[in-house]
C-alpha atoms as a PDB file:
ATOM      1  CA  MET A   1      27.893   3.533   0.915  1.00  0.00           C
ATOM      2  CA  GLN A   2      29.109   1.136   3.604  1.00  0.00           C
ATOM      3  CA  LEU A   3      25.975   0.003   5.447  1.00  0.00           C
ATOM      4  CA  GLU A   4      26.820  -3.577   6.391  1.00  0.00           C
ATOM      5  CA  GLY A   5      25.757  -4.462   9.929  1.00  0.00           C
ATOM      6  CA  ARG A   6      23.683  -1.321  10.377  1.00  0.00           C
ATOM      7  CA  ARG A   7      20.277  -1.475  12.034  1.00  0.00           C
ATOM      8  CA  GLN A   8      17.068  -0.864  10.130  1.00  0.00           C
ATOM      9  CA  SER A   9      14.367   1.439  11.418  1.00  0.00           C
ATOM     10  CA  THR A  10      11.133  -0.186  12.521  1.00  0.00           C
ATOM     11  CA  ASN A  11       9.334   3.097  11.857  1.00  0.00           C
ATOM     12  CA  VAL A  12       8.480   2.033   8.303  1.00  0.00           C
ATOM     13  CA  GLU A  13       4.998   1.294   6.993  1.00  0.00           C
ATOM     14  CA  ASP A  14       4.700  -0.839   3.865  1.00  0.00           C
ATOM     15  CA  ARG A  15       1.578   0.010   1.872  1.00  0.00           C
ATOM     16  CA  ARG A  16       2.575  -1.788  -1.296  1.00  0.00           C
ATOM     17  CA  THR A  17       0.429  -4.881  -0.750  1.00  0.00           C
ATOM     18  CA  GLY A  18      -3.320  -5.310  -1.009  1.00  0.00           C
ATOM     19  CA  LYS A  19      -3.732  -2.837  -3.866  1.00  0.00           C
ATOM     20  CA  GLY A  20      -6.823  -2.688  -6.015  1.00  0.00           C
ATOM     21  CA  ALA A  21      -9.303  -0.508  -4.131  1.00  0.00           C
ATOM     22  CA  ALA A  22      -9.674   3.098  -5.235  1.00  0.00           C
ATOM     23  CA  ILE A  23      -8.367   5.769  -2.896  1.00  0.00           C
ATOM     24  CA  GLY A  24     -10.979   8.464  -2.418  1.00  0.00           C
ATOM     25  CA  GLY A  25     -10.852  12.108  -1.593  1.00  0.00           C
ATOM     26  CA  GLY A  26      -9.176  15.207  -2.878  1.00  0.00           C
ATOM     27  CA  LEU A  27      -6.107  17.043  -1.624  1.00  0.00           C
ATOM     28  CA  GLY A  28      -6.880  17.851   1.995  1.00  0.00           C
ATOM     29  CA  LEU A  29      -4.672  20.637   3.252  1.00  0.00           C
ATOM     30  CA  GLY A  30      -4.729  19.685   6.906  1.00  0.00           C
ATOM     31  CA  GLY A  31      -0.946  19.801   6.677  1.00  0.00           C
ATOM     32  CA  ILE A  32       1.742  20.893   4.269  1.00  0.00           C
ATOM     33  CA  ILE A  33       2.943  18.753   1.398  1.00  0.00           C
ATOM     34  CA  ILE A  34       6.542  19.447   0.568  1.00  0.00           C
ATOM     35  CA  VAL A  35       7.360  17.579  -2.619  1.00  0.00           C
ATOM     36  CA  GLY A  36      10.991  16.543  -2.449  1.00  0.00           C
ATOM     37  CA  LEU A  37      12.221  16.213  -6.013  1.00  0.00           C
ATOM     38  CA  ILE A  38       9.324  17.903  -7.705  1.00  0.00           C
ATOM     39  CA  LEU A  39       8.116  16.362 -10.978  1.00  0.00           C
ATOM     40  CA  LEU A  40      11.556  15.748 -12.313  1.00  0.00           C
ATOM     41  CA  LEU A  41      11.060  16.630 -15.944  1.00  0.00           C
ATOM     42  CA  THR A  42       7.689  18.341 -16.070  1.00  0.00           C
ATOM     43  CA  GLY A  43       8.053  21.475 -13.999  1.00  0.00           C
ATOM     44  CA  GLN A  44       4.396  21.220 -13.008  1.00  0.00           C
ATOM     45  CA  ASP A  45       2.856  22.414  -9.776  1.00  0.00           C
ATOM     46  CA  PRO A  46       2.510  19.562  -7.240  1.00  0.00           C
ATOM     47  CA  SER A  47      -1.207  20.208  -6.963  1.00  0.00           C
ATOM     48  CA  GLN A  48      -1.519  19.016 -10.560  1.00  0.00           C
ATOM     49  CA  VAL A  49       0.002  15.562 -10.129  1.00  0.00           C
ATOM     50  CA  LEU A  50      -2.999  13.782  -8.603  1.00  0.00           C
ATOM     51  CA  THR A  51      -4.786  11.471 -10.992  1.00  0.00           C
ATOM     52  CA  TYR A  52      -8.446  11.105 -10.213  1.00  0.00           C
ATOM     53  CA  THR A  53     -11.262   9.180 -11.834  1.00  0.00           C
ATOM     54  CA  ASN A  54     -14.543  10.832 -12.754  1.00  0.00           C
ATOM     55  CA  ASP A  55     -15.993  10.109  -9.319  1.00  0.00           C
ATOM     56  CA  GLY A  56     -13.105  11.918  -7.635  1.00  0.00           C
ATOM     57  CA  SER A  57     -11.164   8.854  -6.507  1.00  0.00           C
ATOM     58  CA  LEU A  58      -7.618   7.967  -7.388  1.00  0.00           C
ATOM     59  CA  ASN A  59      -7.252   5.414 -10.163  1.00  0.00           C
ATOM     60  CA  PRO A  60      -7.154   1.851  -8.801  1.00  0.00           C
ATOM     61  CA  GLN A  61      -3.978  -0.183  -9.081  1.00  0.00           C
ATOM     62  CA  THR A  62      -3.144  -3.784  -9.755  1.00  0.00           C
ATOM     63  CA  GLU A  63      -1.823  -6.125  -7.082  1.00  0.00           C
ATOM     64  CA  TYR A  64       1.780  -5.338  -6.168  1.00  0.00           C
ATOM     65  CA  GLN A  65       4.393  -8.068  -6.552  1.00  0.00           C
ATOM     66  CA  GLU A  66       7.705  -7.449  -4.772  1.00  0.00           C
ATOM     67  CA  SER A  67      10.929  -8.183  -6.620  1.00  0.00           C
ATOM     68  CA  GLN A  68      14.278  -8.856  -4.991  1.00  0.00           C
ATOM     69  CA  GLU A  69      15.436  -5.444  -6.178  1.00  0.00           C
ATOM     70  CA  ASP A  70      12.497  -3.835  -4.418  1.00  0.00           C
ATOM     71  CA  ARG A  71      13.245  -5.791  -1.227  1.00  0.00           C
ATOM     72  CA  ASP A  72      16.850  -4.591  -1.337  1.00  0.00           C
ATOM     73  CA  LEU A  73      15.718  -0.991  -1.848  1.00  0.00           C
ATOM     74  CA  TYR A  74      13.242  -1.323   1.024  1.00  0.00           C
ATOM     75  CA  ASN A  75      16.008  -2.560   3.338  1.00  0.00           C
ATOM     76  CA  PHE A  76      18.258   0.253   2.148  1.00  0.00           C
ATOM     77  CA  ALA A  77      15.616   2.892   2.853  1.00  0.00           C
ATOM     78  CA  ALA A  78      14.954   1.459   6.318  1.00  0.00           C
ATOM     79  CA  THR A  79      18.686   1.551   7.066  1.00  0.00           C
ATOM     80  CA  ILE A  80      19.061   5.163   5.939  1.00  0.00           C
ATOM     81  CA  LEU A  81      16.012   6.166   7.972  1.00  0.00           C
ATOM     82  CA  ALA A  82      17.602   4.564  11.035  1.00  0.00           C
ATOM     83  CA  GLY A  83      20.717   6.631  10.405  1.00  0.00           C
ATOM     84  CA  THR A  84      18.691   9.836  10.301  1.00  0.00           C
ATOM     85  CA  GLU A  85      16.997   8.836  13.551  1.00  0.00           C
ATOM     86  CA  ASP A  86      20.342   8.356  15.293  1.00  0.00           C
ATOM     87  CA  VAL A  87      21.891  11.560  13.970  1.00  0.00           C
ATOM     88  CA  TRP A  88      18.965  13.886  14.619  1.00  0.00           C
ATOM     89  CA  THR A  89      18.192  12.376  18.017  1.00  0.00           C
ATOM     90  CA  ALA A  90      21.747  13.209  19.080  1.00  0.00           C
ATOM     91  CA  ILE A  91      21.699  16.721  17.596  1.00  0.00           C
ATOM     92  CA  PHE A  92      18.366  17.590  19.198  1.00  0.00           C
ATOM     93  CA  LYS A  93      19.541  16.213  22.562  1.00  0.00           C
ATOM     94  CA  GLN A  94      22.685  18.358  22.425  1.00  0.00           C
ATOM     95  CA  ASN A  95      20.408  21.376  22.059  1.00  0.00           C
ATOM     96  CA  GLY A  96      18.060  20.418  24.877  1.00  0.00           C
ATOM     97  CA  LEU A  97      15.340  19.191  22.510  1.00  0.00           C
ATOM     98  CA  THR A  98      13.607  15.897  21.853  1.00  0.00           C
ATOM     99  CA  TYR A  99      13.569  14.422  18.370  1.00  0.00           C
ATOM    100  CA  THR A 100      10.460  12.521  17.318  1.00  0.00           C
ATOM    101  CA  PRO A 101      11.290  10.579  14.129  1.00  0.00           C
ATOM    102  CA  PRO A 102       8.997  10.663  11.113  1.00  0.00           C
ATOM    103  CA  LYS A 103       7.381   7.549   9.721  1.00  0.00           C
ATOM    104  CA  LEU A 104       8.515   6.334   6.315  1.00  0.00           C
ATOM    105  CA  VAL A 105       5.604   5.106   4.189  1.00  0.00           C
ATOM    106  CA  ILE A 106       6.590   2.925   1.241  1.00  0.00           C
ATOM    107  CA  PHE A 107       3.922   2.832  -1.466  1.00  0.00           C
ATOM    108  CA  ASP A 108       3.432   1.697  -5.026  1.00  0.00           C
ATOM    109  CA  GLY A 109       1.735   3.893  -7.600  1.00  0.00           C
ATOM    110  CA  SER A 110      -0.541   5.986  -5.407  1.00  0.00           C
ATOM    111  CA  VAL A 111      -1.129   6.635  -1.738  1.00  0.00           C
ATOM    112  CA  GLN A 112      -3.449   8.421   0.652  1.00  0.00           C
ATOM    113  CA  SER A 113      -1.485  10.644   3.043  1.00  0.00           C
ATOM    114  CA  GLY A 114      -2.586  12.919   5.848  1.00  0.00           C
ATOM    115  CA  CYS A 115      -2.276  15.718   3.288  1.00  0.00           C
ATOM    116  CA  GLY A 116      -4.459  13.998   0.706  1.00  0.00           C
ATOM    117  CA  GLY A 117      -3.974  11.617  -2.192  1.00  0.00           C
ATOM    118  CA  ALA A 118      -0.799  11.533  -4.270  1.00  0.00           C
ATOM    119  CA  THR A 119       0.770   9.409  -6.981  1.00  0.00           C
ATOM    120  CA  SER A 120       4.309   8.291  -7.671  1.00  0.00           C
ATOM    121  CA  GLN A 121       4.569  11.182 -10.163  1.00  0.00           C
ATOM    122  CA  SER A 122       4.839  13.536  -7.183  1.00  0.00           C
ATOM    123  CA  GLY A 123       8.195  12.092  -6.247  1.00  0.00           C
ATOM    124  CA  PRO A 124       9.070  11.529  -2.587  1.00  0.00           C
ATOM    125  CA  PHE A 125       7.350  13.989  -0.273  1.00  0.00           C
ATOM    126  CA  TYR A 126       6.891  14.902   3.359  1.00  0.00           C
ATOM    127  CA  CYS A 127       3.480  15.502   4.912  1.00  0.00           C
ATOM    128  CA  SER A 128       3.398  17.393   8.192  1.00  0.00           C
ATOM    129  CA  ALA A 129      -0.213  16.403   8.926  1.00  0.00           C
ATOM    130  CA  ASP A 130       0.878  12.859   9.750  1.00  0.00           C
ATOM    131  CA  GLN A 131       4.614  13.568  10.128  1.00  0.00           C
ATOM    132  CA  SER A 132       5.489  11.012   7.473  1.00  0.00           C
ATOM    133  CA  VAL A 133       7.821  10.733   4.498  1.00  0.00           C
ATOM    134  CA  TYR A 134       6.235   9.039   1.473  1.00  0.00           C
ATOM    135  CA  LEU A 135       8.341   7.133  -1.041  1.00  0.00           C
ATOM    136  CA  ASP A 136       7.616   4.965  -4.071  1.00  0.00           C
ATOM    137  CA  LEU A 137      10.752   2.865  -4.510  1.00  0.00           C
ATOM    138  CA  SER A 138      10.384   3.034  -8.289  1.00  0.00           C
ATOM    139  CA  PHE A 139      11.655   6.601  -7.965  1.00  0.00           C
ATOM    140  CA  PHE A 140      15.141   5.284  -7.239  1.00  0.00           C
ATOM    141  CA  LYS A 141      15.028   3.061 -10.305  1.00  0.00           C
ATOM    142  CA  ASP A 142      13.859   5.966 -12.480  1.00  0.00           C
ATOM    143  CA  MET A 143      16.454   8.485 -11.332  1.00  0.00           C
ATOM    144  CA  ASP A 144      19.177   7.383 -13.711  1.00  0.00           C
ATOM    145  CA  ARG A 145      16.835   7.177 -16.698  1.00  0.00           C
ATOM    146  CA  GLN A 146      15.103  10.480 -16.019  1.00  0.00           C
ATOM    147  CA  ILE A 147      17.896  12.745 -14.820  1.00  0.00           C
ATOM    148  CA  GLY A 148      21.091  10.769 -15.359  1.00  0.00           C
ATOM    149  CA  ALA A 149      21.880  10.506 -11.663  1.00  0.00           C
ATOM    150  CA  SER A 150      21.814   7.519  -9.358  1.00  0.00           C
ATOM    151  CA  GLY A 151      23.779   5.571  -6.741  1.00  0.00           C
ATOM    152  CA  ASP A 152      23.224   4.613  -3.132  1.00  0.00           C
ATOM    153  CA  PHE A 153      24.266   7.956  -1.658  1.00  0.00           C
ATOM    154  CA  ALA A 154      22.097   9.741  -4.212  1.00  0.00           C
ATOM    155  CA  TRP A 155      19.157   7.664  -2.955  1.00  0.00           C
ATOM    156  CA  ALA A 156      20.100   8.365   0.651  1.00  0.00           C
ATOM    157  CA  TYR A 157      20.160  12.096  -0.090  1.00  0.00           C
ATOM    158  CA  VAL A 158      16.559  11.873  -1.323  1.00  0.00           C
ATOM    159  CA  ILE A 159      15.415  10.359   1.980  1.00  0.00           C
ATOM    160  CA  ALA A 160      17.562  12.658   4.113  1.00  0.00           C
ATOM    161  CA  HIS A 161      16.185  15.713   2.286  1.00  0.00           C
ATOM    162  CA  GLU A 162      12.606  14.732   3.139  1.00  0.00           C
ATOM    163  CA  VAL A 163      13.613  14.039   6.735  1.00  0.00           C
ATOM    164  CA  GLY A 164      15.094  17.548   6.664  1.00  0.00           C
ATOM    165  CA  HIS A 165      11.575  18.871   6.133  1.00  0.00           C
ATOM    166  CA  HIS A 166      10.495  16.937   9.220  1.00  0.00           C
ATOM    167  CA  VAL A 167      13.281  18.630  11.171  1.00  0.00           C
ATOM    168  CA  GLN A 168      11.915  21.965   9.941  1.00  0.00           C
ATOM    169  CA  TYR A 169       8.465  20.932  11.129  1.00  0.00           C
ATOM    170  CA  LEU A 170       9.706  19.994  14.616  1.00  0.00           C
ATOM    171  CA  LEU A 171      11.586  23.287  14.923  1.00  0.00           C
ATOM    172  CA  GLY A 172       8.528  25.269  13.849  1.00  0.00           C
ATOM    173  CA  THR A 173      10.177  26.545  10.682  1.00  0.00           C
ATOM    174  CA  LEU A 174       7.895  24.750   8.252  1.00  0.00           C
ATOM    175  CA  ASN A 175       4.645  26.123   9.642  1.00  0.00           C
ATOM    176  CA  LYS A 176       6.069  29.618  10.113  1.00  0.00           C
ATOM    177  CA  VAL A 177       7.314  29.866   6.541  1.00  0.00           C
ATOM    178  CA  ASN A 178       4.116  28.360   5.174  1.00  0.00           C
ATOM    179  CA  GLN A 179       2.103  31.049   6.968  1.00  0.00           C
ATOM    180  CA  GLN A 180       4.366  33.697   5.452  1.00  0.00           C
ATOM    181  CA  ARG A 181       3.867  32.179   2.002  1.00  0.00           C
ATOM    182  CA  GLN A 182       0.093  32.372   2.348  1.00  0.00           C
ATOM    183  CA  ARG A 183       0.328  36.130   2.984  1.00  0.00           C
ATOM    184  CA  SER A 184       2.785  36.788   0.165  1.00  0.00           C
ATOM    185  CA  SER A 185       2.728  37.402  -3.554  1.00  0.00           C
ATOM    186  CA  GLU A 186       3.351  34.424  -5.813  1.00  0.00           C
ATOM    187  CA  LYS A 187       6.940  35.491  -6.448  1.00  0.00           C
ATOM    188  CA  THR A 188       7.724  35.931  -2.746  1.00  0.00           C
ATOM    189  CA  ALA A 189       5.964  32.684  -1.890  1.00  0.00           C
ATOM    190  CA  ASN A 190       8.144  30.863  -4.414  1.00  0.00           C
ATOM    191  CA  GLU A 191      11.267  32.437  -2.945  1.00  0.00           C
ATOM    192  CA  LEU A 192      10.259  31.278   0.526  1.00  0.00           C
ATOM    193  CA  SER A 193       9.739  27.787  -0.855  1.00  0.00           C
ATOM    194  CA  VAL A 194      13.266  27.873  -2.278  1.00  0.00           C
ATOM    195  CA  ARG A 195      14.623  28.840   1.145  1.00  0.00           C
ATOM    196  CA  LEU A 196      12.836  25.851   2.712  1.00  0.00           C
ATOM    197  CA  GLU A 197      14.175  23.451   0.099  1.00  0.00           C
ATOM    198  CA  LEU A 198      17.750  24.686   0.348  1.00  0.00           C
ATOM    199  CA  GLN A 199      17.666  24.293   4.107  1.00  0.00           C
ATOM    200  CA  ALA A 200      16.392  20.726   3.677  1.00  0.00           C
ATOM    201  CA  ASP A 201      19.366  20.116   1.360  1.00  0.00           C
ATOM    202  CA  PHE A 202      21.644  21.521   4.036  1.00  0.00           C
ATOM    203  CA  TYR A 203      20.091  19.232   6.662  1.00  0.00           C
ATOM    204  CA  ALA A 204      20.643  16.270   4.351  1.00  0.00           C
ATOM    205  CA  GLY A 205      24.305  17.210   4.294  1.00  0.00           C
ATOM    206  CA  ILE A 206      24.363  17.493   8.093  1.00  0.00           C
ATOM    207  CA  TRP A 207      22.988  13.971   8.364  1.00  0.00           C
ATOM    208  CA  ALA A 208      25.632  12.620   5.969  1.00  0.00           C
ATOM    209  CA  TYR A 209      28.427  14.360   7.896  1.00  0.00           C
ATOM    210  CA  TYR A 210      27.516  12.774  11.218  1.00  0.00           C
ATOM    211  CA  ASP A 211      26.501   9.422   9.771  1.00  0.00           C
ATOM    212  CA  ASN A 212      29.910   9.153   8.174  1.00  0.00           C
ATOM    213  CA  LYS A 213      31.621  10.349  11.349  1.00  0.00           C
ATOM    214  CA  GLN A 214      29.956   7.596  13.382  1.00  0.00           C
ATOM    215  CA  TRP A 215      29.892   4.748  10.884  1.00  0.00           C
ATOM    216  CA  GLY A 216      32.397   5.573   8.138  1.00  0.00           C
ATOM    217  CA  SER A 217      29.512   5.160   5.734  1.00  0.00           C
ATOM    218  CA  LEU A 218      30.746   7.293   2.841  1.00  0.00           C
ATOM    219  CA  GLU A 219      32.905   5.616   0.236  1.00  0.00           C
ATOM    220  CA  ASP A 220      34.856   7.007  -2.703  1.00  0.00           C
ATOM    221  CA  GLY A 221      32.488   8.614  -5.160  1.00  0.00           C
ATOM    222  CA  ASP A 222      29.546   8.918  -2.770  1.00  0.00           C
ATOM    223  CA  ILE A 223      29.781  12.668  -2.266  1.00  0.00           C
ATOM    224  CA  GLU A 224      30.099  13.157  -6.002  1.00  0.00           C
ATOM    225  CA  GLU A 225      26.895  11.114  -6.460  1.00  0.00           C
ATOM    226  CA  GLY A 226      25.034  13.377  -4.066  1.00  0.00           C
ATOM    227  CA  LEU A 227      26.305  16.595  -5.596  1.00  0.00           C
ATOM    228  CA  ASN A 228      25.507  15.274  -9.075  1.00  0.00           C
ATOM    229  CA  VAL A 229      21.894  14.659  -8.077  1.00  0.00           C
ATOM    230  CA  ALA A 230      21.663  18.103  -6.471  1.00  0.00           C
ATOM    231  CA  SER A 231      22.865  19.656  -9.716  1.00  0.00           C
ATOM    232  CA  LYS A 232      20.331  17.677 -11.776  1.00  0.00           C
ATOM    233  CA  ILE A 233      17.288  18.699  -9.709  1.00  0.00           C
ATOM    234  CA  GLY A 234      17.816  22.444  -9.744  1.00  0.00           C
ATOM    235  CA  ASP A 235      14.862  24.372 -11.120  1.00  0.00           C
ATOM    236  CA  ASP A 236      16.992  25.976 -13.824  1.00  0.00           C
ATOM    237  CA  TYR A 237      18.364  22.635 -15.021  1.00  0.00           C
ATOM    238  CA  LEU A 238      14.940  20.958 -15.111  1.00  0.00           C
ATOM    239  CA  GLN A 239      13.181  23.875 -16.801  1.00  0.00           C
ATOM    240  CA  LYS A 240      15.854  24.227 -19.437  1.00  0.00           C
ATOM    241  CA  LYS A 241      15.799  20.474 -20.079  1.00  0.00           C
ATOM    242  CA  SER A 242      12.006  20.475 -20.380  1.00  0.00           C
ATOM    243  CA  TYR A 243      11.300  23.803 -22.092  1.00  0.00           C
ATOM    244  CA  GLY A 244      14.638  25.070 -23.353  1.00  0.00           C
ATOM    245  CA  ARG A 245      14.432  28.159 -21.146  1.00  0.00           C
ATOM    246  CA  THR A 246      14.112  29.172 -17.503  1.00  0.00           C
ATOM    247  CA  VAL A 247      11.593  31.299 -15.598  1.00  0.00           C
ATOM    248  CA  PRO A 248      13.409  32.307 -12.381  1.00  0.00           C
ATOM    249  CA  ASP A 249      10.328  33.789 -10.707  1.00  0.00           C
ATOM    250  CA  SER A 250       8.701  30.344 -10.865  1.00  0.00           C
ATOM    251  CA  PHE A 251      11.573  28.551  -9.111  1.00  0.00           C
ATOM    252  CA  THR A 252      10.412  26.693  -5.991  1.00  0.00           C
ATOM    253  CA  HIS A 253      13.402  24.481  -5.135  1.00  0.00           C
ATOM    254  CA  GLY A 254      16.463  26.520  -6.078  1.00  0.00           C
ATOM    255  CA  THR A 255      18.993  26.479  -8.879  1.00  0.00           C
ATOM    256  CA  SER A 256      21.469  23.683  -9.402  1.00  0.00           C
ATOM    257  CA  ALA A 257      24.261  25.845  -8.022  1.00  0.00           C
ATOM    258  CA  GLN A 258      22.245  26.713  -4.920  1.00  0.00           C
ATOM    259  CA  ARG A 259      21.287  23.124  -4.202  1.00  0.00           C
ATOM    260  CA  VAL A 260      24.869  21.930  -4.591  1.00  0.00           C
ATOM    261  CA  LYS A 261      26.097  24.792  -2.393  1.00  0.00           C
ATOM    262  CA  TRP A 262      23.790  24.060   0.542  1.00  0.00           C
ATOM    263  CA  LEU A 263      24.118  20.277   0.423  1.00  0.00           C
ATOM    264  CA  LYS A 264      27.904  20.671   0.309  1.00  0.00           C
ATOM    265  CA  LYS A 265      27.825  23.194   3.162  1.00  0.00           C
ATOM    266  CA  GLY A 266      26.117  20.669   5.430  1.00  0.00           C
ATOM    267  CA  LEU A 267      28.431  17.888   4.286  1.00  0.00           C
ATOM    268  CA  THR A 268      31.624  19.823   4.935  1.00  0.00           C
ATOM    269  CA  THR A 269      30.807  21.789   8.104  1.00  0.00           C
ATOM    270  CA  GLY A 270      28.584  19.475  10.143  1.00  0.00           C
ATOM    271  CA  ASN A 271      27.308  22.572  11.928  1.00  0.00           C
ATOM    272  CA  PRO A 272      23.484  22.830  12.019  1.00  0.00           C
ATOM    273  CA  ALA A 273      23.747  26.467  13.134  1.00  0.00           C
ATOM    274  CA  LEU A 274      25.061  27.422   9.684  1.00  0.00           C
ATOM    275  CA  GLY A 275      21.860  26.422   7.911  1.00  0.00           C
ATOM    276  CA  ASP A 276      20.068  29.771   8.020  1.00  0.00           C
ATOM    277  CA  THR A 277      18.646  30.173   4.526  1.00  0.00           C
ATOM    278  CA  TYR A 278      16.171  32.868   5.594  1.00  0.00           C
ATOM    279  CA  SER A 279      18.354  35.805   6.678  1.00  0.00           C
ATOM    280  CA  PRO A 280      20.507  36.244   3.544  1.00  0.00           C
ATOM    281  CA  ARG A 281      19.236  38.222   0.627  1.00  0.00           C
ATOM    282  CA  TYR A 282      17.613  35.958  -1.903  1.00  0.00           C
ATOM    283  CA  SER A 283      20.292  36.783  -4.464  1.00  0.00           C
ATOM    284  CA  GLU A 284      22.960  35.625  -1.997  1.00  0.00           C
ATOM    285  CA  LEU A 285      21.617  32.150  -1.362  1.00  0.00           C
END
C-alpha cells in the first residue's frame, strides 16, 4: 500500500507499557464482543479464549519492550485507522448522519475491554460497550505463519473489518441482530453471526474502494493479498485445516467463498447500499 505522507489517527490508545499487574474480572457482557478473525486455527468459541488464574484474574504479563518492527506496525495501524475515519465520516455525512470514530486500543498479550478481559488468542475484536477496536500487533506477525497470508493490505483489511462492526453498531444493526440471536436457536444464531461478519467484510471493501479513490493507496498485488486472507479465514477452510472436516451449522463467520465474495463486492462497487447480507436467503449469501 502507498501510505507515504498520510496522517495518523490520534484516536489510538497504547496499553502495551506498564504490564505486570493482573487484570481482574470475568467476561462482562455489557456490550457485544465481535471477534474479528476468530481463533485462527482452533475453531473454538470466543468465550473460551480467556486465560484466568485460580483467583479469576487474567495471567500477569512481563514488561513490554517495543521493537522497531512493532513501532512501524503501530504507525501503520494508526494510518489505516485515520483512513477509515475519513472514508466513513464522508459516507455518513452524505447520508445525513454523523460518524463517531471508534478508538483503537493496542495491547500486548491480554487486555481489559468494556466487554471483559481478553487475550491475544482472541484475535482482533470490536467491543460495542466502549466502542473500541482491540488489536495485539503480534497478530500481524503471526498471520503468515498461521494461515499463510500476510502483507500490508491484508493487515489493513483486518482493521477495516473491525471498524465495519463499529459502523454496524452506529447504524443499529449490531444490537438488532444480537437481540435476534438471543431469541434464536443455536443454528439460526450462528447464521445471523455469519451475516454480520460478511457485512463487515463488505464494509472493509467499501473503505478500501474510497481510500484508494482519494489517495491511490492500492498497489499491484494488494487486492490479491486481501482476497487471499479472506479465503484463509473462512470457517470451512479453518475447520478443515484443524479437524479435517467441516460442520456447516457451527459456522459463525462464513465460508471462504462467501468472505471473498463480500469483500470483493465492496471493493469493486463502492456502494454501501449493496451490503445487505440480511435479506437474501442464507444459501444465497
